[in-house]
Amino acid sequence: MALINEEFMAEVGLGEMPAAEKQAFMEQATEELEVRVGQQISAGLTPEQMAEFSQIEDTAEVASWLNQNAPNFREEVMQVFANFKQELMQNRQQILA
């Protein structure tokens, strides 16, 4: 997954946020992005696949499982990320207020 970092913050117009506030925002944004990606990918899975997926603990196994059961997950992740980035850019004035 793409990282929410200083470069990202600058790209969306939030680079000048105070340091402590920026760190908290980046952590919250990362969590929100993970939730949105999970929702997007899980929307295309059956309940059985979701149960199977929830049992996987190894990162390598997760990638392998996703390649097999959700072959377009990379594109979905990138689309969710692009939408999230656009949303932040559109709302940066409210976020900074």
PDB file of N, CA and C in Angstrom:
ATOM      1  N   MET A   1       0.852  -1.179   0.000  1.00  0.00           N
ATOM      2  CA  MET A   1       0.000   0.000   0.000  1.00  0.00           C
ATOM      3  C   MET A   1       0.891   1.232   0.000  1.00  0.00           C
ATOM      4  N   ALA A   2       0.429   2.244  -0.678  1.00  0.00           N
ATOM      5  CA  ALA A   2       1.160   3.496  -0.708  1.00  0.00           C
ATOM      6  C   ALA A   2       1.208   4.093   0.691  1.00  0.00           C
ATOM      7  N   LEU A   3       2.284   4.775   0.979  1.00  0.00           N
ATOM      8  CA  LEU A   3       2.461   5.328   2.316  1.00  0.00           C
ATOM      9  C   LEU A   3       1.956   6.759   2.408  1.00  0.00           C
ATOM     10  N   ILE A   4       1.419   7.054   3.560  1.00  0.00           N
ATOM     11  CA  ILE A   4       1.064   8.428   3.887  1.00  0.00           C
ATOM     12  C   ILE A   4       2.295   8.988   4.595  1.00  0.00           C
ATOM     13  N   ASN A   5       3.060   9.818   3.886  1.00  0.00           N
ATOM     14  CA  ASN A   5       4.293  10.351   4.438  1.00  0.00           C
ATOM     15  C   ASN A   5       4.399  11.847   4.151  1.00  0.00           C
ATOM     16  N   GLU A   6       5.550  12.420   4.438  1.00  0.00           N
ATOM     17  CA  GLU A   6       5.756  13.856   4.232  1.00  0.00           C
ATOM     18  C   GLU A   6       5.527  14.252   2.768  1.00  0.00           C
ATOM     19  N   GLU A   7       6.008  13.437   1.859  1.00  0.00           N
ATOM     20  CA  GLU A   7       5.832  13.722   0.432  1.00  0.00           C
ATOM     21  C   GLU A   7       4.349  13.736   0.060  1.00  0.00           C
ATOM     22  N   PHE A   8       3.624  12.752   0.542  1.00  0.00           N
ATOM     23  CA  PHE A   8       2.185  12.688   0.301  1.00  0.00           C
ATOM     24  C   PHE A   8       1.499  13.933   0.843  1.00  0.00           C
ATOM     25  N   MET A   9       1.855  14.320   2.070  1.00  0.00           N
ATOM     26  CA  MET A   9       1.239  15.484   2.693  1.00  0.00           C
ATOM     27  C   MET A   9       1.485  16.741   1.861  1.00  0.00           C
ATOM     28  N   ALA A  10       2.678  16.881   1.327  1.00  0.00           N
ATOM     29  CA  ALA A  10       2.979  18.033   0.475  1.00  0.00           C
ATOM     30  C   ALA A  10       2.149  17.981  -0.802  1.00  0.00           C
ATOM     31  N   GLU A  11       2.006  16.801  -1.382  1.00  0.00           N
ATOM     32  CA  GLU A  11       1.248  16.648  -2.628  1.00  0.00           C
ATOM     33  C   GLU A  11      -0.217  17.035  -2.469  1.00  0.00           C
ATOM     34  N   VAL A  12      -0.795  16.751  -1.315  1.00  0.00           N
ATOM     35  CA  VAL A  12      -2.213  17.064  -1.109  1.00  0.00           C
ATOM     36  C   VAL A  12      -2.422  18.443  -0.504  1.00  0.00           C
ATOM     37  N   GLY A  13      -1.329  19.193  -0.315  1.00  0.00           N
ATOM     38  CA  GLY A  13      -1.442  20.554   0.181  1.00  0.00           C
ATOM     39  C   GLY A  13      -1.497  20.677   1.692  1.00  0.00           C
ATOM     40  N   LEU A  14      -1.049  19.640   2.393  1.00  0.00           N
ATOM     41  CA  LEU A  14      -1.087  19.661   3.852  1.00  0.00           C
ATOM     42  C   LEU A  14       0.317  19.650   4.453  1.00  0.00           C
ATOM     43  N   GLY A  15       1.305  19.953   3.651  1.00  0.00           N
ATOM     44  CA  GLY A  15       2.698  19.895   4.094  1.00  0.00           C
ATOM     45  C   GLY A  15       3.053  20.892   5.167  1.00  0.00           C
ATOM     46  N   GLU A  16       2.312  21.972   5.276  1.00  0.00           N
ATOM     47  CA  GLU A  16       2.655  23.011   6.249  1.00  0.00           C
ATOM     48  C   GLU A  16       1.898  22.873   7.569  1.00  0.00           C
ATOM     49  N   MET A  17       1.239  21.762   7.730  1.00  0.00           N
ATOM     50  CA  MET A  17       0.537  21.480   8.983  1.00  0.00           C
ATOM     51  C   MET A  17       1.583  21.385  10.104  1.00  0.00           C
ATOM     52  N   PRO A  18       1.289  21.874  11.313  1.00  0.00           N
ATOM     53  CA  PRO A  18       2.241  21.748  12.426  1.00  0.00           C
ATOM     54  C   PRO A  18       2.658  20.284  12.624  1.00  0.00           C
ATOM     55  N   ALA A  19       3.921  20.080  12.986  1.00  0.00           N
ATOM     56  CA  ALA A  19       4.522  18.737  13.031  1.00  0.00           C
ATOM     57  C   ALA A  19       3.717  17.727  13.846  1.00  0.00           C
ATOM     58  N   ALA A  20       3.346  18.061  15.056  1.00  0.00           N
ATOM     59  CA  ALA A  20       2.612  17.108  15.905  1.00  0.00           C
ATOM     60  C   ALA A  20       1.249  16.794  15.304  1.00  0.00           C
ATOM     61  N   GLU A  21       0.593  17.811  14.810  1.00  0.00           N
ATOM     62  CA  GLU A  21      -0.715  17.634  14.185  1.00  0.00           C
ATOM     63  C   GLU A  21      -0.580  16.799  12.905  1.00  0.00           C
ATOM     64  N   LYS A  22       0.490  17.062  12.151  1.00  0.00           N
ATOM     65  CA  LYS A  22       0.720  16.334  10.900  1.00  0.00           C
ATOM     66  C   LYS A  22       0.946  14.856  11.172  1.00  0.00           C
ATOM     67  N   GLN A  23       1.746  14.540  12.195  1.00  0.00           N
ATOM     68  CA  GLN A  23       2.016  13.136  12.514  1.00  0.00           C
ATOM     69  C   GLN A  23       0.725  12.414  12.882  1.00  0.00           C
ATOM     70  N   ALA A  24      -0.085  13.042  13.705  1.00  0.00           N
ATOM     71  CA  ALA A  24      -1.364  12.431  14.093  1.00  0.00           C
ATOM     72  C   ALA A  24      -2.263  12.270  12.875  1.00  0.00           C
ATOM     73  N   PHE A  25      -2.279  13.259  11.994  1.00  0.00           N
ATOM     74  CA  PHE A  25      -3.102  13.185  10.794  1.00  0.00           C
ATOM     75  C   PHE A  25      -2.632  12.053   9.887  1.00  0.00           C
ATOM     76  N   MET A  26      -1.316  11.907   9.721  1.00  0.00           N
ATOM     77  CA  MET A  26      -0.787  10.845   8.866  1.00  0.00           C
ATOM     78  C   MET A  26      -1.162   9.469   9.410  1.00  0.00           C
ATOM     79  N   GLU A  27      -1.121   9.311  10.722  1.00  0.00           N
ATOM     80  CA  GLU A  27      -1.512   8.030  11.323  1.00  0.00           C
ATOM     81  C   GLU A  27      -2.995   7.759  11.097  1.00  0.00           C
ATOM     82  N   GLN A  28      -3.811   8.779  11.306  1.00  0.00           N
ATOM     83  CA  GLN A  28      -5.253   8.629  11.102  1.00  0.00           C
ATOM     84  C   GLN A  28      -5.566   8.367   9.628  1.00  0.00           C
ATOM     85  N   ALA A  29      -4.881   9.060   8.733  1.00  0.00           N
ATOM     86  CA  ALA A  29      -5.106   8.875   7.298  1.00  0.00           C
ATOM     87  C   ALA A  29      -4.707   7.469   6.864  1.00  0.00           C
ATOM     88  N   THR A  30      -3.623   6.953   7.421  1.00  0.00           N
ATOM     89  CA  THR A  30      -3.180   5.591   7.098  1.00  0.00           C
ATOM     90  C   THR A  30      -4.239   4.584   7.527  1.00  0.00           C
ATOM     91  N   GLU A  31      -4.773   4.756   8.730  1.00  0.00           N
ATOM     92  CA  GLU A  31      -5.828   3.861   9.209  1.00  0.00           C
ATOM     93  C   GLU A  31      -7.067   3.944   8.320  1.00  0.00           C
ATOM     94  N   GLU A  32      -7.460   5.151   7.952  1.00  0.00           N
ATOM     95  CA  GLU A  32      -8.637   5.333   7.101  1.00  0.00           C
ATOM     96  C   GLU A  32      -8.422   4.689   5.739  1.00  0.00           C
ATOM     97  N   LEU A  33      -7.246   4.860   5.184  1.00  0.00           N
ATOM     98  CA  LEU A  33      -6.944   4.269   3.888  1.00  0.00           C
ATOM     99  C   LEU A  33      -6.990   2.745   3.962  1.00  0.00           C
ATOM    100  N   GLU A  34      -6.451   2.174   5.031  1.00  0.00           N
ATOM    101  CA  GLU A  34      -6.496   0.721   5.202  1.00  0.00           C
ATOM    102  C   GLU A  34      -7.930   0.212   5.277  1.00  0.00           C
ATOM    103  N   VAL A  35      -8.784   0.945   5.982  1.00  0.00           N
ATOM    104  CA  VAL A  35     -10.196   0.561   6.074  1.00  0.00           C
ATOM    105  C   VAL A  35     -10.844   0.612   4.701  1.00  0.00           C
ATOM    106  N   ARG A  36     -10.610   1.683   3.971  1.00  0.00           N
ATOM    107  CA  ARG A  36     -11.229   1.825   2.649  1.00  0.00           C
ATOM    108  C   ARG A  36     -10.751   0.753   1.677  1.00  0.00           C
ATOM    109  N   VAL A  37      -9.475   0.433   1.721  1.00  0.00           N
ATOM    110  CA  VAL A  37      -8.947  -0.625   0.861  1.00  0.00           C
ATOM    111  C   VAL A  37      -9.586  -1.957   1.242  1.00  0.00           C
ATOM    112  N   GLY A  38      -9.665  -2.231   2.532  1.00  0.00           N
ATOM    113  CA  GLY A  38     -10.287  -3.472   2.993  1.00  0.00           C
ATOM    114  C   GLY A  38     -11.725  -3.586   2.548  1.00  0.00           C
ATOM    115  N   GLN A  39     -12.460  -2.493   2.652  1.00  0.00           N
ATOM    116  CA  GLN A  39     -13.860  -2.499   2.224  1.00  0.00           C
ATOM    117  C   GLN A  39     -13.971  -2.752   0.726  1.00  0.00           C
ATOM    118  N   GLN A  40     -13.117  -2.125  -0.047  1.00  0.00           N
ATOM    119  CA  GLN A  40     -13.166  -2.281  -1.504  1.00  0.00           C
ATOM    120  C   GLN A  40     -12.863  -3.718  -1.917  1.00  0.00           C
ATOM    121  N   ILE A  41     -11.811  -4.267  -1.353  1.00  0.00           N
ATOM    122  CA  ILE A  41     -11.424  -5.633  -1.717  1.00  0.00           C
ATOM    123  C   ILE A  41     -12.448  -6.639  -1.212  1.00  0.00           C
ATOM    124  N   SER A  42     -12.912  -6.460   0.007  1.00  0.00           N
ATOM    125  CA  SER A  42     -13.864  -7.428   0.565  1.00  0.00           C
ATOM    126  C   SER A  42     -15.202  -7.407  -0.152  1.00  0.00           C
ATOM    127  N   ALA A  43     -15.535  -6.301  -0.779  1.00  0.00           N
ATOM    128  CA  ALA A  43     -16.806  -6.217  -1.506  1.00  0.00           C
ATOM    129  C   ALA A  43     -16.880  -7.245  -2.631  1.00  0.00           C
ATOM    130  N   GLY A  44     -15.729  -7.664  -3.143  1.00  0.00           N
ATOM    131  CA  GLY A  44     -15.713  -8.635  -4.234  1.00  0.00           C
ATOM    132  C   GLY A  44     -15.489 -10.062  -3.792  1.00  0.00           C
ATOM    133  N   LEU A  45     -15.488 -10.301  -2.492  1.00  0.00           N
ATOM    134  CA  LEU A  45     -15.227 -11.642  -1.978  1.00  0.00           C
ATOM    135  C   LEU A  45     -16.491 -12.263  -1.407  1.00  0.00           C
ATOM    136  N   THR A  46     -16.530 -13.577  -1.449  1.00  0.00           N
ATOM    137  CA  THR A  46     -17.642 -14.302  -0.840  1.00  0.00           C
ATOM    138  C   THR A  46     -17.413 -14.380   0.674  1.00  0.00           C
ATOM    139  N   PRO A  47     -18.458 -14.681   1.441  1.00  0.00           N
ATOM    140  CA  PRO A  47     -18.261 -14.867   2.888  1.00  0.00           C
ATOM    141  C   PRO A  47     -17.235 -15.965   3.195  1.00  0.00           C
ATOM    142  N   GLU A  48     -17.215 -16.994   2.380  1.00  0.00           N
ATOM    143  CA  GLU A  48     -16.253 -18.078   2.582  1.00  0.00           C
ATOM    144  C   GLU A  48     -14.826 -17.575   2.362  1.00  0.00           C
ATOM    145  N   GLN A  49     -14.645 -16.776   1.318  1.00  0.00           N
ATOM    146  CA  GLN A  49     -13.325 -16.218   1.046  1.00  0.00           C
ATOM    147  C   GLN A  49     -12.892 -15.271   2.174  1.00  0.00           C
ATOM    148  N   MET A  50     -13.834 -14.488   2.680  1.00  0.00           N
ATOM    149  CA  MET A  50     -13.520 -13.583   3.781  1.00  0.00           C
ATOM    150  C   MET A  50     -13.077 -14.365   5.009  1.00  0.00           C
ATOM    151  N   ALA A  51     -13.757 -15.450   5.305  1.00  0.00           N
ATOM    152  CA  ALA A  51     -13.396 -16.284   6.451  1.00  0.00           C
ATOM    153  C   ALA A  51     -12.005 -16.872   6.257  1.00  0.00           C
ATOM    154  N   GLU A  52     -11.742 -17.361   5.056  1.00  0.00           N
ATOM    155  CA  GLU A  52     -10.433 -17.927   4.749  1.00  0.00           C
ATOM    156  C   GLU A  52      -9.346 -16.862   4.878  1.00  0.00           C
ATOM    157  N   PHE A  53      -9.609 -15.690   4.326  1.00  0.00           N
ATOM    158  CA  PHE A  53      -8.644 -14.601   4.356  1.00  0.00           C
ATOM    159  C   PHE A  53      -8.330 -14.167   5.790  1.00  0.00           C
ATOM    160  N   SER A  54      -9.346 -14.140   6.626  1.00  0.00           N
ATOM    161  CA  SER A  54      -9.148 -13.685   8.001  1.00  0.00           C
ATOM    162  C   SER A  54      -8.241 -14.614   8.810  1.00  0.00           C
ATOM    163  N   GLN A  55      -8.057 -15.829   8.335  1.00  0.00           N
ATOM    164  CA  GLN A  55      -7.209 -16.794   9.031  1.00  0.00           C
ATOM    165  C   GLN A  55      -5.730 -16.674   8.654  1.00  0.00           C
ATOM    166  N   ILE A  56      -5.430 -15.922   7.612  1.00  0.00           N
ATOM    167  CA  ILE A  56      -4.053 -15.802   7.129  1.00  0.00           C
ATOM    168  C   ILE A  56      -3.304 -14.782   7.975  1.00  0.00           C
ATOM    169  N   GLU A  57      -2.121 -15.170   8.441  1.00  0.00           N
ATOM    170  CA  GLU A  57      -1.319 -14.283   9.273  1.00  0.00           C
ATOM    171  C   GLU A  57      -0.009 -13.878   8.612  1.00  0.00           C
ATOM    172  N   ASP A  58       0.495 -14.686   7.706  1.00  0.00           N
ATOM    173  CA  ASP A  58       1.780 -14.428   7.063  1.00  0.00           C
ATOM    174  C   ASP A  58       1.612 -13.458   5.896  1.00  0.00           C
ATOM    175  N   THR A  59       2.430 -12.412   5.848  1.00  0.00           N
ATOM    176  CA  THR A  59       2.333 -11.392   4.808  1.00  0.00           C
ATOM    177  C   THR A  59       2.495 -11.979   3.413  1.00  0.00           C
ATOM    178  N   ALA A  60       3.418 -12.891   3.241  1.00  0.00           N
ATOM    179  CA  ALA A  60       3.624 -13.519   1.932  1.00  0.00           C
ATOM    180  C   ALA A  60       2.390 -14.320   1.518  1.00  0.00           C
ATOM    181  N   GLU A  61       1.779 -14.986   2.471  1.00  0.00           N
ATOM    182  CA  GLU A  61       0.563 -15.745   2.179  1.00  0.00           C
ATOM    183  C   GLU A  61      -0.588 -14.810   1.794  1.00  0.00           C
ATOM    184  N   VAL A  62      -0.662 -13.653   2.449  1.00  0.00           N
ATOM    185  CA  VAL A  62      -1.706 -12.681   2.124  1.00  0.00           C
ATOM    186  C   VAL A  62      -1.588 -12.270   0.664  1.00  0.00           C
ATOM    187  N   ALA A  63      -0.384 -11.928   0.239  1.00  0.00           N
ATOM    188  CA  ALA A  63      -0.173 -11.497  -1.147  1.00  0.00           C
ATOM    189  C   ALA A  63      -0.521 -12.613  -2.119  1.00  0.00           C
ATOM    190  N   SER A  64      -0.096 -13.809  -1.813  1.00  0.00           N
ATOM    191  CA  SER A  64      -0.396 -14.953  -2.673  1.00  0.00           C
ATOM    192  C   SER A  64      -1.898 -15.200  -2.748  1.00  0.00           C
ATOM    193  N   TRP A  65      -2.562 -15.152  -1.592  1.00  0.00           N
ATOM    194  CA  TRP A  65      -4.002 -15.386  -1.543  1.00  0.00           C
ATOM    195  C   TRP A  65      -4.742 -14.322  -2.351  1.00  0.00           C
ATOM    196  N   LEU A  66      -4.347 -13.068  -2.174  1.00  0.00           N
ATOM    197  CA  LEU A  66      -4.997 -11.986  -2.919  1.00  0.00           C
ATOM    198  C   LEU A  66      -4.777 -12.143  -4.421  1.00  0.00           C
ATOM    199  N   ASN A  67      -3.581 -12.526  -4.821  1.00  0.00           N
ATOM    200  CA  ASN A  67      -3.324 -12.746  -6.253  1.00  0.00           C
ATOM    201  C   ASN A  67      -4.243 -13.810  -6.828  1.00  0.00           C
ATOM    202  N   GLN A  68      -4.531 -14.812  -6.042  1.00  0.00           N
ATOM    203  CA  GLN A  68      -5.377 -15.907  -6.498  1.00  0.00           C
ATOM    204  C   GLN A  68      -6.867 -15.578  -6.428  1.00  0.00           C
ATOM    205  N   ASN A  69      -7.297 -14.918  -5.364  1.00  0.00           N
ATOM    206  CA  ASN A  69      -8.722 -14.722  -5.116  1.00  0.00           C
ATOM    207  C   ASN A  69      -9.259 -13.336  -5.467  1.00  0.00           C
ATOM    208  N   ALA A  70      -8.371 -12.367  -5.578  1.00  0.00           N
ATOM    209  CA  ALA A  70      -8.762 -10.999  -5.948  1.00  0.00           C
ATOM    210  C   ALA A  70      -7.687 -10.444  -6.872  1.00  0.00           C
ATOM    211  N   PRO A  71      -7.594 -11.025  -8.079  1.00  0.00           N
ATOM    212  CA  PRO A  71      -6.470 -10.702  -8.958  1.00  0.00           C
ATOM    213  C   PRO A  71      -6.331  -9.221  -9.326  1.00  0.00           C
ATOM    214  N   ASN A  72      -7.371  -8.446  -9.216  1.00  0.00           N
ATOM    215  CA  ASN A  72      -7.271  -7.027  -9.544  1.00  0.00           C
ATOM    216  C   ASN A  72      -7.102  -6.155  -8.297  1.00  0.00           C
ATOM    217  N   PHE A  73      -6.682  -6.762  -7.178  1.00  0.00           N
ATOM    218  CA  PHE A  73      -6.599  -5.997  -5.931  1.00  0.00           C
ATOM    219  C   PHE A  73      -5.615  -4.842  -6.020  1.00  0.00           C
ATOM    220  N   ARG A  74      -4.542  -4.990  -6.775  1.00  0.00           N
ATOM    221  CA  ARG A  74      -3.568  -3.890  -6.896  1.00  0.00           C
ATOM    222  C   ARG A  74      -4.204  -2.666  -7.541  1.00  0.00           C
ATOM    223  N   GLU A  75      -4.970  -2.897  -8.587  1.00  0.00           N
ATOM    224  CA  GLU A  75      -5.661  -1.788  -9.243  1.00  0.00           C
ATOM    225  C   GLU A  75      -6.684  -1.159  -8.309  1.00  0.00           C
ATOM    226  N   GLU A  76      -7.372  -1.996  -7.540  1.00  0.00           N
ATOM    227  CA  GLU A  76      -8.351  -1.481  -6.585  1.00  0.00           C
ATOM    228  C   GLU A  76      -7.667  -0.633  -5.514  1.00  0.00           C
ATOM    229  N   VAL A  77      -6.528  -1.087  -5.023  1.00  0.00           N
ATOM    230  CA  VAL A  77      -5.781  -0.329  -4.018  1.00  0.00           C
ATOM    231  C   VAL A  77      -5.368   1.020  -4.590  1.00  0.00           C
ATOM    232  N   MET A  78      -4.852   1.021  -5.806  1.00  0.00           N
ATOM    233  CA  MET A  78      -4.411   2.273  -6.413  1.00  0.00           C
ATOM    234  C   MET A  78      -5.586   3.217  -6.664  1.00  0.00           C
ATOM    235  N   GLN A  79      -6.746   2.677  -7.010  1.00  0.00           N
ATOM    236  CA  GLN A  79      -7.916   3.524  -7.230  1.00  0.00           C
ATOM    237  C   GLN A  79      -8.411   4.123  -5.919  1.00  0.00           C
ATOM    238  N   VAL A  80      -8.448   3.318  -4.878  1.00  0.00           N
ATOM    239  CA  VAL A  80      -8.862   3.826  -3.563  1.00  0.00           C
ATOM    240  C   VAL A  80      -7.886   4.909  -3.110  1.00  0.00           C
ATOM    241  N   PHE A  81      -6.598   4.677  -3.304  1.00  0.00           N
ATOM    242  CA  PHE A  81      -5.579   5.650  -2.918  1.00  0.00           C
ATOM    243  C   PHE A  81      -5.760   6.951  -3.702  1.00  0.00           C
ATOM    244  N   ALA A  82      -5.969   6.860  -5.002  1.00  0.00           N
ATOM    245  CA  ALA A  82      -6.159   8.056  -5.835  1.00  0.00           C
ATOM    246  C   ALA A  82      -7.405   8.826  -5.404  1.00  0.00           C
ATOM    247  N   ASN A  83      -8.492   8.119  -5.122  1.00  0.00           N
ATOM    248  CA  ASN A  83      -9.722   8.771  -4.667  1.00  0.00           C
ATOM    249  C   ASN A  83      -9.520   9.458  -3.318  1.00  0.00           C
ATOM    250  N   PHE A  84      -8.800   8.790  -2.414  1.00  0.00           N
ATOM    251  CA  PHE A  84      -8.528   9.344  -1.091  1.00  0.00           C
ATOM    252  C   PHE A  84      -7.677  10.604  -1.217  1.00  0.00           C
ATOM    253  N   LYS A  85      -6.671  10.536  -2.051  1.00  0.00           N
ATOM    254  CA  LYS A  85      -5.786  11.676  -2.281  1.00  0.00           C
ATOM    255  C   LYS A  85      -6.578  12.864  -2.833  1.00  0.00           C
ATOM    256  N   GLN A  86      -7.438  12.600  -3.803  1.00  0.00           N
ATOM    257  CA  GLN A  86      -8.267  13.650  -4.390  1.00  0.00           C
ATOM    258  C   GLN A  86      -9.198  14.260  -3.339  1.00  0.00           C
ATOM    259  N   GLU A  87      -9.774  13.419  -2.512  1.00  0.00           N
ATOM    260  CA  GLU A  87     -10.669  13.885  -1.456  1.00  0.00           C
ATOM    261  C   GLU A  87      -9.937  14.826  -0.494  1.00  0.00           C
ATOM    262  N   LEU A  88      -8.724  14.460  -0.116  1.00  0.00           N
ATOM    263  CA  LEU A  88      -7.948  15.317   0.780  1.00  0.00           C
ATOM    264  C   LEU A  88      -7.604  16.646   0.116  1.00  0.00           C
ATOM    265  N   MET A  89      -7.244  16.598  -1.154  1.00  0.00           N
ATOM    266  CA  MET A  89      -6.908  17.828  -1.871  1.00  0.00           C
ATOM    267  C   MET A  89      -8.119  18.757  -1.945  1.00  0.00           C
ATOM    268  N   GLN A  90      -9.285  18.192  -2.189  1.00  0.00           N
ATOM    269  CA  GLN A  90     -10.503  18.999  -2.285  1.00  0.00           C
ATOM    270  C   GLN A  90     -10.913  19.588  -0.940  1.00  0.00           C
ATOM    271  N   ASN A  91     -10.541  18.933   0.146  1.00  0.00           N
ATOM    272  CA  ASN A  91     -10.965  19.360   1.482  1.00  0.00           C
ATOM    273  C   ASN A  91      -9.835  19.941   2.316  1.00  0.00           C
ATOM    274  N   ARG A  92      -8.715  20.259   1.693  1.00  0.00           N
ATOM    275  CA  ARG A  92      -7.550  20.716   2.483  1.00  0.00           C
ATOM    276  C   ARG A  92      -7.831  21.984   3.286  1.00  0.00           C
ATOM    277  N   GLN A  93      -8.629  22.894   2.741  1.00  0.00           N
ATOM    278  CA  GLN A  93      -8.928  24.128   3.492  1.00  0.00           C
ATOM    279  C   GLN A  93      -9.666  23.822   4.793  1.00  0.00           C
ATOM    280  N   GLN A  94     -10.635  22.916   4.734  1.00  0.00           N
ATOM    281  CA  GLN A  94     -11.369  22.528   5.938  1.00  0.00           C
ATOM    282  C   GLN A  94     -10.460  21.769   6.915  1.00  0.00           C
ATOM    283  N   ILE A  95      -9.568  20.949   6.380  1.00  0.00           N
ATOM    284  CA  ILE A  95      -8.668  20.182   7.228  1.00  0.00           C
ATOM    285  C   ILE A  95      -7.711  21.111   7.957  1.00  0.00           C
ATOM    286  N   LEU A  96      -7.230  22.128   7.264  1.00  0.00           N
ATOM    287  CA  LEU A  96      -6.271  23.054   7.858  1.00  0.00           C
ATOM    288  C   LEU A  96      -6.909  24.066   8.797  1.00  0.00           C
ATOM    289  N   ALA A  97      -8.229  24.222   8.700  1.00  0.00           N
ATOM    290  CA  ALA A  97      -8.918  25.233   9.520  1.00  0.00           C
ATOM    291  C   ALA A  97      -8.973  24.859  10.982  1.00  0.00           C
TER     292      ALA A  97
END
